[in-house]
Amino acid sequence: MNTLTQIQFQAAFAHGAVKSVEIEPVGARFAVKLLTLTGQATLVQARSTEPRLFGSVDSALKLLHKLGVRRIVLDRLDQWHPEQAELARRSRPDRAEAMTRAAEYDRWVRAKVQTSRDDPRSAISEPDWERIRSDKLAAQRQTS
């Protein structure tokens, strides 16, 4: 069986090489199978030979509609097992926790900037800064 990426499918479809398109269940998800002039083919992920699986018929239909397909066969629904959806779901880090950490960091940075702006001390002149910087670099070299 042949495999086609989305770009290859678009080219084949545009040139009339796709005879039919079928959506077929694979566990709880759906794959797109094609009948081309050279035989059966499966729509695969862009950089892989793994079938591109859709979480719902609707998501597969949306992509196929966007690509210009207007006739689709939905077959073998007896092989659809929606109860397996939990098994197929990818685990992802807790987004709420990541967003909370990002917000805390943002608050910390804003507080540091505001503290610096509110500092009543006068700005350090350029020659003074160069002297302070060179003293610190010299002290670092001595300890290394």
Protein backbone atom coordinates (compact mmCIF):
# COMPACT_ATOMS: atom_id res chain seq x y z
CA MET A 1 0.00 0.00 0.00
CA ASN A 2 1.28 3.45 -0.93
CA THR A 3 1.46 6.44 1.39
CA LEU A 4 0.82 10.08 0.56
CA THR A 5 1.52 13.20 2.59
CA GLN A 6 -0.97 16.04 2.46
CA ILE A 7 1.10 17.87 -0.19
CA GLN A 8 1.40 14.72 -2.31
CA PHE A 9 -2.32 14.11 -1.93
CA GLN A 10 -3.08 17.68 -3.05
CA ALA A 11 -0.92 17.25 -6.17
CA ALA A 12 -2.43 13.85 -7.01
CA PHE A 13 -5.97 15.13 -6.45
CA ALA A 14 -5.35 18.25 -8.55
CA HIS A 15 -4.12 16.09 -11.44
CA GLY A 16 -7.03 13.66 -11.28
CA ALA A 17 -5.00 10.73 -9.95
CA VAL A 18 -7.34 10.16 -6.97
CA LYS A 19 -10.34 7.99 -7.84
CA SER A 20 -11.99 7.91 -4.40
CA VAL A 21 -11.49 9.01 -0.80
CA GLU A 22 -12.59 7.00 2.20
CA ILE A 23 -12.59 7.73 5.93
CA GLU A 24 -12.00 4.58 7.93
CA PRO A 25 -11.99 4.04 11.71
CA VAL A 26 -8.77 2.99 13.43
CA GLY A 27 -9.65 2.32 17.06
CA ALA A 28 -11.20 5.55 18.34
CA ARG A 29 -9.73 7.72 15.57
CA PHE A 30 -10.06 7.96 11.80
CA ALA A 31 -7.67 7.50 8.88
CA VAL A 32 -8.02 8.68 5.29
CA LYS A 33 -7.65 5.95 2.66
CA LEU A 34 -7.41 6.71 -1.05
CA LEU A 35 -7.83 4.84 -4.26
CA THR A 36 -5.41 6.28 -6.81
CA LEU A 37 -4.58 5.35 -10.37
CA THR A 38 -1.71 3.24 -9.02
CA GLY A 39 -3.68 1.51 -6.23
CA GLN A 40 -4.57 1.92 -2.56
CA ALA A 41 -2.88 4.66 -0.50
CA THR A 42 -3.08 6.11 3.00
CA LEU A 43 -2.74 9.74 4.05
CA VAL A 44 0.31 9.96 6.36
CA GLN A 45 1.94 12.53 8.61
CA ALA A 46 4.30 15.03 6.96
CA ARG A 47 7.62 13.58 8.09
CA SER A 48 6.62 10.02 8.84
CA THR A 49 5.13 6.90 7.36
CA GLU A 50 2.62 6.70 10.23
CA PRO A 51 -1.01 7.19 9.16
CA ARG A 52 -2.39 10.63 9.88
CA LEU A 53 -5.14 9.95 12.39
CA PHE A 54 -7.99 12.34 13.12
CA GLY A 55 -9.80 12.55 16.45
CA SER A 56 -13.18 12.85 14.75
CA VAL A 57 -14.83 12.41 11.38
CA ASP A 58 -15.50 16.15 11.47
CA SER A 59 -11.81 17.06 11.62
CA ALA A 60 -11.02 14.71 8.72
CA LEU A 61 -13.93 16.15 6.69
CA LYS A 62 -12.77 19.72 7.32
CA LEU A 63 -9.30 18.98 5.97
CA LEU A 64 -10.62 17.08 2.95
CA HIS A 65 -13.13 19.84 2.20
CA LYS A 66 -10.34 22.42 2.39
CA LEU A 67 -8.36 20.33 -0.11
CA GLY A 68 -11.29 20.28 -2.52
CA VAL A 69 -12.68 16.79 -1.97
CA ARG A 70 -16.46 16.72 -2.32
CA ARG A 71 -17.25 12.98 -2.34
CA ILE A 72 -16.17 10.86 0.60
CA VAL A 73 -17.03 7.31 1.63
CA LEU A 74 -17.42 6.61 5.34
CA ASP A 75 -17.06 2.88 5.72
CA ARG A 76 -16.45 0.13 8.29
CA LEU A 77 -18.07 1.94 11.21
CA ASP A 78 -18.32 -1.42 12.96
CA GLN A 79 -14.56 -1.08 13.52
CA TRP A 80 -14.96 2.25 15.34
CA HIS A 81 -14.26 1.99 19.06
CA PRO A 82 -14.90 5.37 20.70
CA GLU A 83 -14.28 3.87 24.15
CA GLN A 84 -10.57 3.68 23.20
CA ALA A 85 -10.31 7.47 22.93
CA GLU A 86 -8.73 7.78 26.39
CA LEU A 87 -6.03 5.26 25.44
CA ALA A 88 -5.09 7.19 22.31
CA ARG A 89 -5.02 10.63 23.94
CA ARG A 90 -1.54 12.13 24.15
CA SER A 91 -0.44 13.20 27.59
CA ARG A 92 0.56 16.83 27.81
CA PRO A 93 2.05 18.82 30.64
CA ASP A 94 -0.47 20.59 32.80
CA ARG A 95 -1.08 23.81 30.88
CA ALA A 96 -2.58 25.57 33.91
CA GLU A 97 0.63 24.99 35.88
CA ALA A 98 2.80 26.25 33.02
CA MET A 99 0.64 29.35 32.61
CA THR A 100 0.79 30.03 36.36
CA ARG A 101 4.60 29.81 36.32
CA ALA A 102 4.74 32.16 33.34
CA ALA A 103 2.45 34.67 35.07
CA GLU A 104 4.55 34.52 38.27
CA TYR A 105 7.73 35.16 36.28
CA ASP A 106 6.05 38.05 34.46
CA ARG A 107 5.01 39.61 37.79
CA TRP A 108 8.55 39.14 39.16
CA VAL A 109 10.14 40.86 36.14
CA ARG A 110 7.64 43.73 36.24
CA ALA A 111 8.30 44.22 39.97
CA LYS A 112 12.07 44.33 39.38
CA VAL A 113 11.66 46.89 36.59
CA GLN A 114 9.31 49.01 38.69
CA THR A 115 11.70 48.87 41.67
CA SER A 116 14.49 50.07 39.42
CA ARG A 117 12.36 52.92 38.09
CA ASP A 118 11.29 53.95 41.60
CA ASP A 119 14.89 53.97 42.94
CA PRO A 120 15.54 57.55 44.17
CA ARG A 121 19.31 57.30 43.68
CA SER A 122 20.75 59.22 40.75
CA ALA A 123 21.98 57.39 37.69
CA ILE A 124 25.66 56.38 37.60
CA SER A 125 27.74 58.43 35.20
CA GLU A 126 29.49 56.68 32.32
CA PRO A 127 33.05 57.10 33.73
CA ASP A 128 31.91 55.87 37.17
CA TRP A 129 30.23 52.85 35.60
CA GLU A 130 33.37 51.97 33.62
CA ARG A 131 35.45 52.18 36.84
CA ILE A 132 32.99 50.00 38.80
CA ARG A 133 32.82 47.47 35.97
CA SER A 134 36.59 47.21 35.57
CA ASP A 135 37.00 46.80 39.37
CA LYS A 136 34.46 43.94 39.40
CA LEU A 137 36.11 42.22 36.41
CA ALA A 138 39.53 42.51 38.07
CA ALA A 139 38.14 41.01 41.29
CA GLN A 140 36.64 38.12 39.32
CA ARG A 141 39.95 37.40 37.59
CA GLN A 142 41.78 37.30 40.93
CA THR A 143 39.37 34.73 42.38
CA SER A 144 39.48 32.51 39.29
